[in-house]
Amino acid sequence: METDMNLLLIGGNGDIETVFILNWRKHNDNRHVSGSIEVYTLDANGMPVRRGPPQTIFPRPPNSQNQVITITRRQLFLGRPFANRDPNDLFEYRLDEPRVAASDALALMGLAPA
């Protein structure tokens, strides 16, 4: 996944500014799954760096209602935000949304969140 992230960020010619990597791990009981999300951006030298620590998806942390990843309009819209909009506007990506989608997908596979 990190090779793909490097390819997207470095090889994207500036069109991709942010990459989210979701990591999943099936537990030894072959039923429960843990997961986390990492966010990568480019530093001032154009090299990929992880932005902050990984955020836990499963098991759901006690403070999960506050889990958000904040990105700018510029990062979301490939460096070309809509005209007359501030490219530095912030968007909050709440982790409850991928948590629900992942729970549904896991259930279809006979798995459960850790």
PDB file of N, CA and C in Angstrom:
ATOM      1  N   MET A   1       0.812  -1.188   0.000  1.00  0.00           N
ATOM      2  CA  MET A   1       0.000   0.000   0.000  1.00  0.00           C
ATOM      3  C   MET A   1       0.863   1.264   0.000  1.00  0.00           C
ATOM      4  N   GLU A   2       1.973   1.214   0.726  1.00  0.00           N
ATOM      5  CA  GLU A   2       2.831   2.403   0.775  1.00  0.00           C
ATOM      6  C   GLU A   2       3.468   2.676  -0.582  1.00  0.00           C
ATOM      7  N   THR A   3       3.761   1.630  -1.347  1.00  0.00           N
ATOM      8  CA  THR A   3       4.302   1.826  -2.689  1.00  0.00           C
ATOM      9  C   THR A   3       3.274   2.538  -3.562  1.00  0.00           C
ATOM     10  N   ASP A   4       2.011   2.105  -3.464  1.00  0.00           N
ATOM     11  CA  ASP A   4       0.948   2.763  -4.222  1.00  0.00           C
ATOM     12  C   ASP A   4       0.774   4.210  -3.779  1.00  0.00           C
ATOM     13  N   MET A   5       0.865   4.454  -2.469  1.00  0.00           N
ATOM     14  CA  MET A   5       0.743   5.814  -1.953  1.00  0.00           C
ATOM     15  C   MET A   5       1.849   6.691  -2.525  1.00  0.00           C
ATOM     16  N   ASN A   6       3.080   6.190  -2.537  1.00  0.00           N
ATOM     17  CA  ASN A   6       4.197   6.945  -3.109  1.00  0.00           C
ATOM     18  C   ASN A   6       3.961   7.235  -4.586  1.00  0.00           C
ATOM     19  N   LEU A   7       3.488   6.236  -5.308  1.00  0.00           N
ATOM     20  CA  LEU A   7       3.212   6.409  -6.734  1.00  0.00           C
ATOM     21  C   LEU A   7       2.146   7.483  -6.956  1.00  0.00           C
ATOM     22  N   LEU A   8       1.096   7.462  -6.158  1.00  0.00           N
ATOM     23  CA  LEU A   8       0.028   8.453  -6.311  1.00  0.00           C
ATOM     24  C   LEU A   8       0.502   9.860  -5.975  1.00  0.00           C
ATOM     25  N   LEU A   9       1.190  10.004  -4.847  1.00  0.00           N
ATOM     26  CA  LEU A   9       1.597  11.342  -4.416  1.00  0.00           C
ATOM     27  C   LEU A   9       2.740  11.904  -5.252  1.00  0.00           C
ATOM     28  N   ILE A  10       3.772  11.101  -5.481  1.00  0.00           N
ATOM     29  CA  ILE A  10       4.937  11.594  -6.220  1.00  0.00           C
ATOM     30  C   ILE A  10       4.680  11.560  -7.723  1.00  0.00           C
ATOM     31  N   GLY A  11       4.072  10.486  -8.193  1.00  0.00           N
ATOM     32  CA  GLY A  11       3.831  10.342  -9.626  1.00  0.00           C
ATOM     33  C   GLY A  11       2.570  11.030 -10.111  1.00  0.00           C
ATOM     34  N   GLY A  12       1.818  11.628  -9.189  1.00  0.00           N
ATOM     35  CA  GLY A  12       0.556  12.258  -9.567  1.00  0.00           C
ATOM     36  C   GLY A  12       0.692  13.651 -10.138  1.00  0.00           C
ATOM     37  N   ASN A  13       1.923  14.137 -10.275  1.00  0.00           N
ATOM     38  CA  ASN A  13       2.178  15.464 -10.852  1.00  0.00           C
ATOM     39  C   ASN A  13       1.354  16.568 -10.189  1.00  0.00           C
ATOM     40  N   GLY A  14       1.158  16.461  -8.883  1.00  0.00           N
ATOM     41  CA  GLY A  14       0.427  17.490  -8.154  1.00  0.00           C
ATOM     42  C   GLY A  14      -1.078  17.349  -8.191  1.00  0.00           C
ATOM     43  N   ASP A  15      -1.592  16.378  -8.954  1.00  0.00           N
ATOM     44  CA  ASP A  15      -3.037  16.190  -9.029  1.00  0.00           C
ATOM     45  C   ASP A  15      -3.598  15.479  -7.801  1.00  0.00           C
ATOM     46  N   ILE A  16      -2.760  14.765  -7.076  1.00  0.00           N
ATOM     47  CA  ILE A  16      -3.195  14.071  -5.863  1.00  0.00           C
ATOM     48  C   ILE A  16      -2.377  14.617  -4.709  1.00  0.00           C
ATOM     49  N   GLU A  17      -3.064  15.187  -3.736  1.00  0.00           N
ATOM     50  CA  GLU A  17      -2.373  15.820  -2.616  1.00  0.00           C
ATOM     51  C   GLU A  17      -2.538  15.070  -1.305  1.00  0.00           C
ATOM     52  N   THR A  18      -3.503  14.163  -1.238  1.00  0.00           N
ATOM     53  CA  THR A  18      -3.764  13.437  -0.002  1.00  0.00           C
ATOM     54  C   THR A  18      -4.136  12.003  -0.339  1.00  0.00           C
ATOM     55  N   VAL A  19      -3.584  11.053   0.419  1.00  0.00           N
ATOM     56  CA  VAL A  19      -3.910   9.639   0.250  1.00  0.00           C
ATOM     57  C   VAL A  19      -4.303   9.076   1.607  1.00  0.00           C
ATOM     58  N   PHE A  20      -5.420   8.365   1.638  1.00  0.00           N
ATOM     59  CA  PHE A  20      -5.864   7.668   2.843  1.00  0.00           C
ATOM     60  C   PHE A  20      -5.553   6.190   2.647  1.00  0.00           C
ATOM     61  N   ILE A  21      -4.909   5.570   3.621  1.00  0.00           N
ATOM     62  CA  ILE A  21      -4.652   4.132   3.585  1.00  0.00           C
ATOM     63  C   ILE A  21      -5.408   3.497   4.740  1.00  0.00           C
ATOM     64  N   LEU A  22      -6.272   2.542   4.406  1.00  0.00           N
ATOM     65  CA  LEU A  22      -6.987   1.786   5.432  1.00  0.00           C
ATOM     66  C   LEU A  22      -6.278   0.457   5.617  1.00  0.00           C
ATOM     67  N   ASN A  23      -5.958   0.145   6.848  1.00  0.00           N
ATOM     68  CA  ASN A  23      -5.282  -1.105   7.192  1.00  0.00           C
ATOM     69  C   ASN A  23      -6.247  -1.980   7.980  1.00  0.00           C
ATOM     70  N   TRP A  24      -6.401  -3.236   7.546  1.00  0.00           N
ATOM     71  CA  TRP A  24      -7.294  -4.177   8.221  1.00  0.00           C
ATOM     72  C   TRP A  24      -6.498  -5.389   8.670  1.00  0.00           C
ATOM     73  N   ARG A  25      -6.851  -5.930   9.826  1.00  0.00           N
ATOM     74  CA  ARG A  25      -6.169  -7.119  10.346  1.00  0.00           C
ATOM     75  C   ARG A  25      -7.203  -8.059  10.945  1.00  0.00           C
ATOM     76  N   LYS A  26      -7.247  -9.290  10.396  1.00  0.00           N
ATOM     77  CA  LYS A  26      -8.146 -10.297  10.951  1.00  0.00           C
ATOM     78  C   LYS A  26      -7.479 -10.930  12.166  1.00  0.00           C
ATOM     79  N   HIS A  27      -8.226 -11.062  13.244  1.00  0.00           N
ATOM     80  CA  HIS A  27      -7.691 -11.635  14.479  1.00  0.00           C
ATOM     81  C   HIS A  27      -7.574 -13.150  14.363  1.00  0.00           C
ATOM     82  N   ASN A  28      -6.884 -13.748  15.319  1.00  0.00           N
ATOM     83  CA  ASN A  28      -6.653 -15.195  15.303  1.00  0.00           C
ATOM     84  C   ASN A  28      -7.936 -16.008  15.375  1.00  0.00           C
ATOM     85  N   ASP A  29      -9.018 -15.426  15.898  1.00  0.00           N
ATOM     86  CA  ASP A  29     -10.280 -16.171  15.966  1.00  0.00           C
ATOM     87  C   ASP A  29     -10.975 -16.252  14.601  1.00  0.00           C
ATOM     88  N   ASN A  30     -10.376 -15.648  13.583  1.00  0.00           N
ATOM     89  CA  ASN A  30     -10.910 -15.632  12.212  1.00  0.00           C
ATOM     90  C   ASN A  30     -12.317 -15.062  12.118  1.00  0.00           C
ATOM     91  N   ARG A  31     -12.711 -14.271  13.095  1.00  0.00           N
ATOM     92  CA  ARG A  31     -14.040 -13.662  13.076  1.00  0.00           C
ATOM     93  C   ARG A  31     -13.983 -12.143  13.263  1.00  0.00           C
ATOM     94  N   HIS A  32     -13.058 -11.667  14.076  1.00  0.00           N
ATOM     95  CA  HIS A  32     -12.994 -10.240  14.398  1.00  0.00           C
ATOM     96  C   HIS A  32     -11.889  -9.537  13.605  1.00  0.00           C
ATOM     97  N   VAL A  33     -12.158  -8.267  13.290  1.00  0.00           N
ATOM     98  CA  VAL A  33     -11.243  -7.481  12.463  1.00  0.00           C
ATOM     99  C   VAL A  33     -10.950  -6.148  13.144  1.00  0.00           C
ATOM    100  N   SER A  34      -9.663  -5.787  13.161  1.00  0.00           N
ATOM    101  CA  SER A  34      -9.235  -4.465  13.621  1.00  0.00           C
ATOM    102  C   SER A  34      -8.905  -3.630  12.392  1.00  0.00           C
ATOM    103  N   GLY A  35      -9.010  -2.325  12.534  1.00  0.00           N
ATOM    104  CA  GLY A  35      -8.694  -1.473  11.399  1.00  0.00           C
ATOM    105  C   GLY A  35      -8.225  -0.099  11.826  1.00  0.00           C
ATOM    106  N   SER A  36      -7.424   0.503  10.958  1.00  0.00           N
ATOM    107  CA  SER A  36      -6.960   1.868  11.201  1.00  0.00           C
ATOM    108  C   SER A  36      -6.850   2.583   9.860  1.00  0.00           C
ATOM    109  N   ILE A  37      -6.746   3.904   9.937  1.00  0.00           N
ATOM    110  CA  ILE A  37      -6.602   4.719   8.737  1.00  0.00           C
ATOM    111  C   ILE A  37      -5.414   5.654   8.930  1.00  0.00           C
ATOM    112  N   GLU A  38      -4.605   5.772   7.887  1.00  0.00           N
ATOM    113  CA  GLU A  38      -3.453   6.671   7.890  1.00  0.00           C
ATOM    114  C   GLU A  38      -3.648   7.686   6.765  1.00  0.00           C
ATOM    115  N   VAL A  39      -3.211   8.909   7.005  1.00  0.00           N
ATOM    116  CA  VAL A  39      -3.331   9.973   6.007  1.00  0.00           C
ATOM    117  C   VAL A  39      -1.926  10.425   5.627  1.00  0.00           C
ATOM    118  N   TYR A  40      -1.660  10.464   4.330  1.00  0.00           N
ATOM    119  CA  TYR A  40      -0.357  10.897   3.818  1.00  0.00           C
ATOM    120  C   TYR A  40      -0.535  12.121   2.925  1.00  0.00           C
ATOM    121  N   THR A  41       0.407  13.049   3.046  1.00  0.00           N
ATOM    122  CA  THR A  41       0.466  14.232   2.191  1.00  0.00           C
ATOM    123  C   THR A  41       1.926  14.435   1.794  1.00  0.00           C
ATOM    124  N   LEU A  42       2.185  15.453   1.004  1.00  0.00           N
ATOM    125  CA  LEU A  42       3.560  15.782   0.631  1.00  0.00           C
ATOM    126  C   LEU A  42       4.090  16.872   1.551  1.00  0.00           C
ATOM    127  N   ASP A  43       5.367  16.739   1.945  1.00  0.00           N
ATOM    128  CA  ASP A  43       5.980  17.790   2.758  1.00  0.00           C
ATOM    129  C   ASP A  43       6.490  18.908   1.841  1.00  0.00           C
ATOM    130  N   ALA A  44       7.155  19.893   2.423  1.00  0.00           N
ATOM    131  CA  ALA A  44       7.644  21.052   1.659  1.00  0.00           C
ATOM    132  C   ALA A  44       8.646  20.655   0.580  1.00  0.00           C
ATOM    133  N   ASN A  45       9.303  19.495   0.741  1.00  0.00           N
ATOM    134  CA  ASN A  45      10.277  19.019  -0.241  1.00  0.00           C
ATOM    135  C   ASN A  45       9.659  18.082  -1.274  1.00  0.00           C
ATOM    136  N   GLY A  46       8.338  17.905  -1.213  1.00  0.00           N
ATOM    137  CA  GLY A  46       7.669  17.025  -2.164  1.00  0.00           C
ATOM    138  C   GLY A  46       7.771  15.556  -1.829  1.00  0.00           C
ATOM    139  N   MET A  47       8.093  15.237  -0.579  1.00  0.00           N
ATOM    140  CA  MET A  47       8.210  13.843  -0.154  1.00  0.00           C
ATOM    141  C   MET A  47       6.983  13.446   0.672  1.00  0.00           C
ATOM    142  N   PRO A  48       6.478  12.213   0.488  1.00  0.00           N
ATOM    143  CA  PRO A  48       5.316  11.771   1.258  1.00  0.00           C
ATOM    144  C   PRO A  48       5.632  11.667   2.750  1.00  0.00           C
ATOM    145  N   VAL A  49       4.710  12.148   3.557  1.00  0.00           N
ATOM    146  CA  VAL A  49       4.820  12.035   5.013  1.00  0.00           C
ATOM    147  C   VAL A  49       3.450  11.678   5.570  1.00  0.00           C
ATOM    148  N   ARG A  50       3.483  10.884   6.640  1.00  0.00           N
ATOM    149  CA  ARG A  50       2.227  10.565   7.315  1.00  0.00           C
ATOM    150  C   ARG A  50       1.824  11.763   8.154  1.00  0.00           C
ATOM    151  N   ARG A  51       0.577  12.148   8.044  1.00  0.00           N
ATOM    152  CA  ARG A  51       0.066  13.290   8.786  1.00  0.00           C
ATOM    153  C   ARG A  51      -0.589  12.789  10.073  1.00  0.00           C
ATOM    154  N   GLY A  52       0.131  12.906  11.161  1.00  0.00           N
ATOM    155  CA  GLY A  52      -0.397  12.474  12.453  1.00  0.00           C
ATOM    156  C   GLY A  52      -0.346  10.972  12.619  1.00  0.00           C
ATOM    157  N   PRO A  53      -0.744  10.505  13.791  1.00  0.00           N
ATOM    158  CA  PRO A  53      -0.729   9.064  14.055  1.00  0.00           C
ATOM    159  C   PRO A  53      -1.889   8.372  13.336  1.00  0.00           C
ATOM    160  N   PRO A  54      -1.788   7.049  13.152  1.00  0.00           N
ATOM    161  CA  PRO A  54      -2.931   6.322  12.587  1.00  0.00           C
ATOM    162  C   PRO A  54      -4.157   6.506  13.485  1.00  0.00           C
ATOM    163  N   GLN A  55      -5.319   6.580  12.869  1.00  0.00           N
ATOM    164  CA  GLN A  55      -6.582   6.693  13.602  1.00  0.00           C
ATOM    165  C   GLN A  55      -7.235   5.315  13.633  1.00  0.00           C
ATOM    166  N   THR A  56      -7.641   4.872  14.800  1.00  0.00           N
ATOM    167  CA  THR A  56      -8.264   3.560  14.948  1.00  0.00           C
ATOM    168  C   THR A  56      -9.709   3.594  14.469  1.00  0.00           C
ATOM    169  N   ILE A  57     -10.067   2.611  13.637  1.00  0.00           N
ATOM    170  CA  ILE A  57     -11.453   2.434  13.207  1.00  0.00           C
ATOM    171  C   ILE A  57     -12.106   1.370  14.088  1.00  0.00           C
ATOM    172  N   PHE A  58     -11.466   0.190  14.164  1.00  0.00           N
ATOM    173  CA  PHE A  58     -11.901  -0.889  15.053  1.00  0.00           C
ATOM    174  C   PHE A  58     -10.701  -1.385  15.817  1.00  0.00           C
ATOM    175  N   PRO A  59     -10.822  -1.688  17.100  1.00  0.00           N
ATOM    176  CA  PRO A  59     -12.027  -1.492  17.903  1.00  0.00           C
ATOM    177  C   PRO A  59     -12.330  -0.010  18.067  1.00  0.00           C
ATOM    178  N   ARG A  60     -13.608   0.278  18.149  1.00  0.00           N
ATOM    179  CA  ARG A  60     -14.058   1.670  18.266  1.00  0.00           C
ATOM    180  C   ARG A  60     -13.481   2.286  19.537  1.00  0.00           C
ATOM    181  N   PRO A  61     -12.703   3.374  19.399  1.00  0.00           N
ATOM    182  CA  PRO A  61     -12.150   4.015  20.594  1.00  0.00           C
ATOM    183  C   PRO A  61     -13.254   4.688  21.414  1.00  0.00           C
ATOM    184  N   PRO A  62     -13.036   4.868  22.720  1.00  0.00           N
ATOM    185  CA  PRO A  62     -14.062   5.479  23.562  1.00  0.00           C
ATOM    186  C   PRO A  62     -14.435   6.894  23.119  1.00  0.00           C
ATOM    187  N   ASN A  63     -13.513   7.619  22.523  1.00  0.00           N
ATOM    188  CA  ASN A  63     -13.786   8.997  22.095  1.00  0.00           C
ATOM    189  C   ASN A  63     -14.094   9.079  20.604  1.00  0.00           C
ATOM    190  N   SER A  64     -14.632   8.012  20.033  1.00  0.00           N
ATOM    191  CA  SER A  64     -14.776   7.929  18.576  1.00  0.00           C
ATOM    192  C   SER A  64     -15.692   8.991  17.987  1.00  0.00           C
ATOM    193  N   GLN A  65     -16.615   9.550  18.775  1.00  0.00           N
ATOM    194  CA  GLN A  65     -17.491  10.576  18.213  1.00  0.00           C
ATOM    195  C   GLN A  65     -16.709  11.827  17.843  1.00  0.00           C
ATOM    196  N   ASN A  66     -15.484  11.961  18.354  1.00  0.00           N
ATOM    197  CA  ASN A  66     -14.651  13.121  18.043  1.00  0.00           C
ATOM    198  C   ASN A  66     -13.609  12.831  16.969  1.00  0.00           C
ATOM    199  N   GLN A  67     -13.620  11.643  16.402  1.00  0.00           N
ATOM    200  CA  GLN A  67     -12.600  11.280  15.425  1.00  0.00           C
ATOM    201  C   GLN A  67     -12.912  11.886  14.062  1.00  0.00           C
ATOM    202  N   VAL A  68     -12.076  12.811  13.646  1.00  0.00           N
ATOM    203  CA  VAL A  68     -12.223  13.424  12.329  1.00  0.00           C
ATOM    204  C   VAL A  68     -10.849  13.578  11.697  1.00  0.00           C
ATOM    205  N   ILE A  69     -10.838  13.523  10.390  1.00  0.00           N
ATOM    206  CA  ILE A  69      -9.649  13.854   9.617  1.00  0.00           C
ATOM    207  C   ILE A  69     -10.013  15.118   8.856  1.00  0.00           C
ATOM    208  N   THR A  70      -9.233  16.160   9.040  1.00  0.00           N
ATOM    209  CA  THR A  70      -9.523  17.439   8.410  1.00  0.00           C
ATOM    210  C   THR A  70      -8.650  17.615   7.173  1.00  0.00           C
ATOM    211  N   ILE A  71      -9.297  17.934   6.056  1.00  0.00           N
ATOM    212  CA  ILE A  71      -8.570  18.206   4.819  1.00  0.00           C
ATOM    213  C   ILE A  71      -9.089  19.523   4.234  1.00  0.00           C
ATOM    214  N   THR A  72      -8.286  20.132   3.394  1.00  0.00           N
ATOM    215  CA  THR A  72      -8.686  21.403   2.783  1.00  0.00           C
ATOM    216  C   THR A  72      -9.413  21.162   1.460  1.00  0.00           C
ATOM    217  N   ARG A  73     -10.120  22.174   1.026  1.00  0.00           N
ATOM    218  CA  ARG A  73     -10.795  22.113  -0.276  1.00  0.00           C
ATOM    219  C   ARG A  73      -9.767  21.829  -1.379  1.00  0.00           C
ATOM    220  N   ARG A  74      -8.581  22.431  -1.287  1.00  0.00           N
ATOM    221  CA  ARG A  74      -7.526  22.226  -2.283  1.00  0.00           C
ATOM    222  C   ARG A  74      -7.135  20.746  -2.346  1.00  0.00           C
ATOM    223  N   GLN A  75      -6.995  20.102  -1.181  1.00  0.00           N
ATOM    224  CA  GLN A  75      -6.616  18.693  -1.158  1.00  0.00           C
ATOM    225  C   GLN A  75      -7.727  17.811  -1.717  1.00  0.00           C
ATOM    226  N   LEU A  76      -8.963  18.161  -1.437  1.00  0.00           N
ATOM    227  CA  LEU A  76     -10.097  17.351  -1.857  1.00  0.00           C
ATOM    228  C   LEU A  76     -10.355  17.438  -3.354  1.00  0.00           C
ATOM    229  N   PHE A  77     -10.181  18.614  -3.918  1.00  0.00           N
ATOM    230  CA  PHE A  77     -10.510  18.823  -5.325  1.00  0.00           C
ATOM    231  C   PHE A  77      -9.269  18.922  -6.199  1.00  0.00           C
ATOM    232  N   LEU A  78      -8.308  18.065  -5.932  1.00  0.00           N
ATOM    233  CA  LEU A  78      -7.143  17.885  -6.789  1.00  0.00           C
ATOM    234  C   LEU A  78      -6.379  19.168  -7.070  1.00  0.00           C
ATOM    235  N   GLY A  79      -6.301  20.030  -6.073  1.00  0.00           N
ATOM    236  CA  GLY A  79      -5.531  21.248  -6.233  1.00  0.00           C
ATOM    237  C   GLY A  79      -6.217  22.318  -7.055  1.00  0.00           C
ATOM    238  N   ARG A  80      -7.428  22.027  -7.529  1.00  0.00           N
ATOM    239  CA  ARG A  80      -8.160  22.993  -8.349  1.00  0.00           C
ATOM    240  C   ARG A  80      -9.554  23.212  -7.768  1.00  0.00           C
ATOM    241  N   PRO A  81      -9.629  23.918  -6.640  1.00  0.00           N
ATOM    242  CA  PRO A  81     -10.946  24.132  -6.035  1.00  0.00           C
ATOM    243  C   PRO A  81     -11.836  24.988  -6.926  1.00  0.00           C
ATOM    244  N   PHE A  82     -13.119  24.934  -6.650  1.00  0.00           N
ATOM    245  CA  PHE A  82     -14.081  25.705  -7.428  1.00  0.00           C
ATOM    246  C   PHE A  82     -13.735  27.186  -7.410  1.00  0.00           C
ATOM    247  N   ALA A  83     -14.054  27.863  -8.500  1.00  0.00           N
ATOM    248  CA  ALA A  83     -13.821  29.309  -8.580  1.00  0.00           C
ATOM    249  C   ALA A  83     -14.609  30.019  -7.483  1.00  0.00           C
ATOM    250  N   ASN A  84     -14.062  31.121  -7.021  1.00  0.00           N
ATOM    251  CA  ASN A  84     -14.693  31.944  -5.989  1.00  0.00           C
ATOM    252  C   ASN A  84     -14.852  31.219  -4.656  1.00  0.00           C
ATOM    253  N   ARG A  85     -14.076  30.182  -4.425  1.00  0.00           N
ATOM    254  CA  ARG A  85     -14.092  29.465  -3.152  1.00  0.00           C
ATOM    255  C   ARG A  85     -12.697  29.505  -2.560  1.00  0.00           C
ATOM    256  N   ASP A  86     -12.632  29.572  -1.257  1.00  0.00           N
ATOM    257  CA  ASP A  86     -11.341  29.591  -0.574  1.00  0.00           C
ATOM    258  C   ASP A  86     -10.741  28.191  -0.607  1.00  0.00           C
ATOM    259  N   PRO A  87      -9.578  28.005  -1.242  1.00  0.00           N
ATOM    260  CA  PRO A  87      -8.967  26.675  -1.312  1.00  0.00           C
ATOM    261  C   PRO A  87      -8.545  26.150   0.056  1.00  0.00           C
ATOM    262  N   ASN A  88      -8.503  27.018   1.050  1.00  0.00           N
ATOM    263  CA  ASN A  88      -8.112  26.592   2.393  1.00  0.00           C
ATOM    264  C   ASN A  88      -9.302  26.295   3.296  1.00  0.00           C
ATOM    265  N   ASP A  89     -10.532  26.317   2.753  1.00  0.00           N
ATOM    266  CA  ASP A  89     -11.698  25.889   3.531  1.00  0.00           C
ATOM    267  C   ASP A  89     -11.437  24.479   4.042  1.00  0.00           C
ATOM    268  N   LEU A  90     -11.865  24.209   5.256  1.00  0.00           N
ATOM    269  CA  LEU A  90     -11.627  22.904   5.867  1.00  0.00           C
ATOM    270  C   LEU A  90     -12.871  22.027   5.803  1.00  0.00           C
ATOM    271  N   PHE A  91     -12.643  20.745   5.517  1.00  0.00           N
ATOM    272  CA  PHE A  91     -13.701  19.739   5.537  1.00  0.00           C
ATOM    273  C   PHE A  91     -13.325  18.698   6.580  1.00  0.00           C
ATOM    274  N   GLU A  92     -14.311  18.278   7.358  1.00  0.00           N
ATOM    275  CA  GLU A  92     -14.072  17.249   8.368  1.00  0.00           C
ATOM    276  C   GLU A  92     -14.631  15.925   7.869  1.00  0.00           C
ATOM    277  N   TYR A  93     -13.762  14.934   7.782  1.00  0.00           N
ATOM    278  CA  TYR A  93     -14.139  13.582   7.387  1.00  0.00           C
ATOM    279  C   TYR A  93     -14.292  12.777   8.669  1.00  0.00           C
ATOM    280  N   ARG A  94     -15.524  12.536   9.066  1.00  0.00           N
ATOM    281  CA  ARG A  94     -15.796  11.836  10.322  1.00  0.00           C
ATOM    282  C   ARG A  94     -15.599  10.334  10.133  1.00  0.00           C
ATOM    283  N   LEU A  95     -14.879   9.717  11.045  1.00  0.00           N
ATOM    284  CA  LEU A  95     -14.570   8.296  10.910  1.00  0.00           C
ATOM    285  C   LEU A  95     -15.748   7.395  11.237  1.00  0.00           C
ATOM    286  N   ASP A  96     -16.830   7.942  11.760  1.00  0.00           N
ATOM    287  CA  ASP A  96     -18.019   7.119  11.985  1.00  0.00           C
ATOM    288  C   ASP A  96     -18.587   6.612  10.664  1.00  0.00           C
ATOM    289  N   GLU A  97     -18.443   7.390   9.597  1.00  0.00           N
ATOM    290  CA  GLU A  97     -18.994   6.986   8.301  1.00  0.00           C
ATOM    291  C   GLU A  97     -18.290   5.750   7.723  1.00  0.00           C
ATOM    292  N   PRO A  98     -16.955   5.722   7.624  1.00  0.00           N
ATOM    293  CA  PRO A  98     -16.329   4.481   7.137  1.00  0.00           C
ATOM    294  C   PRO A  98     -16.495   3.332   8.126  1.00  0.00           C
ATOM    295  N   ARG A  99     -16.661   3.643   9.394  1.00  0.00           N
ATOM    296  CA  ARG A  99     -16.873   2.603  10.409  1.00  0.00           C
ATOM    297  C   ARG A  99     -18.192   1.867  10.141  1.00  0.00           C
ATOM    298  N   VAL A 100     -19.242   2.600   9.809  1.00  0.00           N
ATOM    299  CA  VAL A 100     -20.538   1.984   9.502  1.00  0.00           C
ATOM    300  C   VAL A 100     -20.436   1.161   8.222  1.00  0.00           C
ATOM    301  N   ALA A 101     -19.821   1.723   7.184  1.00  0.00           N
ATOM    302  CA  ALA A 101     -19.675   1.003   5.916  1.00  0.00           C
ATOM    303  C   ALA A 101     -18.856  -0.270   6.109  1.00  0.00           C
ATOM    304  N   ALA A 102     -17.785  -0.186   6.888  1.00  0.00           N
ATOM    305  CA  ALA A 102     -16.947  -1.363   7.135  1.00  0.00           C
ATOM    306  C   ALA A 102     -17.708  -2.415   7.927  1.00  0.00           C
ATOM    307  N   SER A 103     -18.492  -2.004   8.905  1.00  0.00           N
ATOM    308  CA  SER A 103     -19.286  -2.958   9.695  1.00  0.00           C
ATOM    309  C   SER A 103     -20.245  -3.726   8.795  1.00  0.00           C
ATOM    310  N   ASP A 104     -20.911  -3.017   7.881  1.00  0.00           N
ATOM    311  CA  ASP A 104     -21.835  -3.667   6.951  1.00  0.00           C
ATOM    312  C   ASP A 104     -21.099  -4.650   6.046  1.00  0.00           C
ATOM    313  N   ALA A 105     -19.944  -4.241   5.513  1.00  0.00           N
ATOM    314  CA  ALA A 105     -19.170  -5.115   4.627  1.00  0.00           C
ATOM    315  C   ALA A 105     -18.651  -6.336   5.382  1.00  0.00           C
ATOM    316  N   LEU A 106     -18.193  -6.133   6.610  1.00  0.00           N
ATOM    317  CA  LEU A 106     -17.707  -7.260   7.409  1.00  0.00           C
ATOM    318  C   LEU A 106     -18.824  -8.263   7.669  1.00  0.00           C
ATOM    319  N   ALA A 107     -20.017  -7.772   7.973  1.00  0.00           N
ATOM    320  CA  ALA A 107     -21.150  -8.661   8.238  1.00  0.00           C
ATOM    321  C   ALA A 107     -21.457  -9.530   7.022  1.00  0.00           C
ATOM    322  N   LEU A 108     -21.347  -8.967   5.824  1.00  0.00           N
ATOM    323  CA  LEU A 108     -21.586  -9.742   4.604  1.00  0.00           C
ATOM    324  C   LEU A 108     -20.569 -10.870   4.440  1.00  0.00           C
ATOM    325  N   MET A 109     -19.390 -10.708   5.041  1.00  0.00           N
ATOM    326  CA  MET A 109     -18.338 -11.728   4.957  1.00  0.00           C
ATOM    327  C   MET A 109     -18.328 -12.641   6.175  1.00  0.00           C
ATOM    328  N   GLY A 110     -19.314 -12.486   7.061  1.00  0.00           N
ATOM    329  CA  GLY A 110     -19.360 -13.308   8.268  1.00  0.00           C
ATOM    330  C   GLY A 110     -18.341 -12.882   9.308  1.00  0.00           C
ATOM    331  N   LEU A 111     -17.895 -11.633   9.233  1.00  0.00           N
ATOM    332  CA  LEU A 111     -16.910 -11.106  10.176  1.00  0.00           C
ATOM    333  C   LEU A 111     -17.548 -10.013  11.019  1.00  0.00           C
ATOM    334  N   ALA A 112     -16.844  -9.612  12.081  1.00  0.00           N
ATOM    335  CA  ALA A 112     -17.361  -8.581  12.980  1.00  0.00           C
ATOM    336  C   ALA A 112     -16.228  -7.653  13.392  1.00  0.00           C
ATOM    337  N   PRO A 113     -16.561  -6.402  13.687  1.00  0.00           N
ATOM    338  CA  PRO A 113     -15.542  -5.478  14.196  1.00  0.00           C
ATOM    339  C   PRO A 113     -14.980  -5.969  15.521  1.00  0.00           C
ATOM    340  N   ALA A 114     -13.706  -5.714  15.741  1.00  0.00           N
ATOM    341  CA  ALA A 114     -13.074  -6.109  17.010  1.00  0.00           C
ATOM    342  C   ALA A 114     -13.603  -5.238  18.132  1.00  0.00           C
TER     343      ALA A 114
END
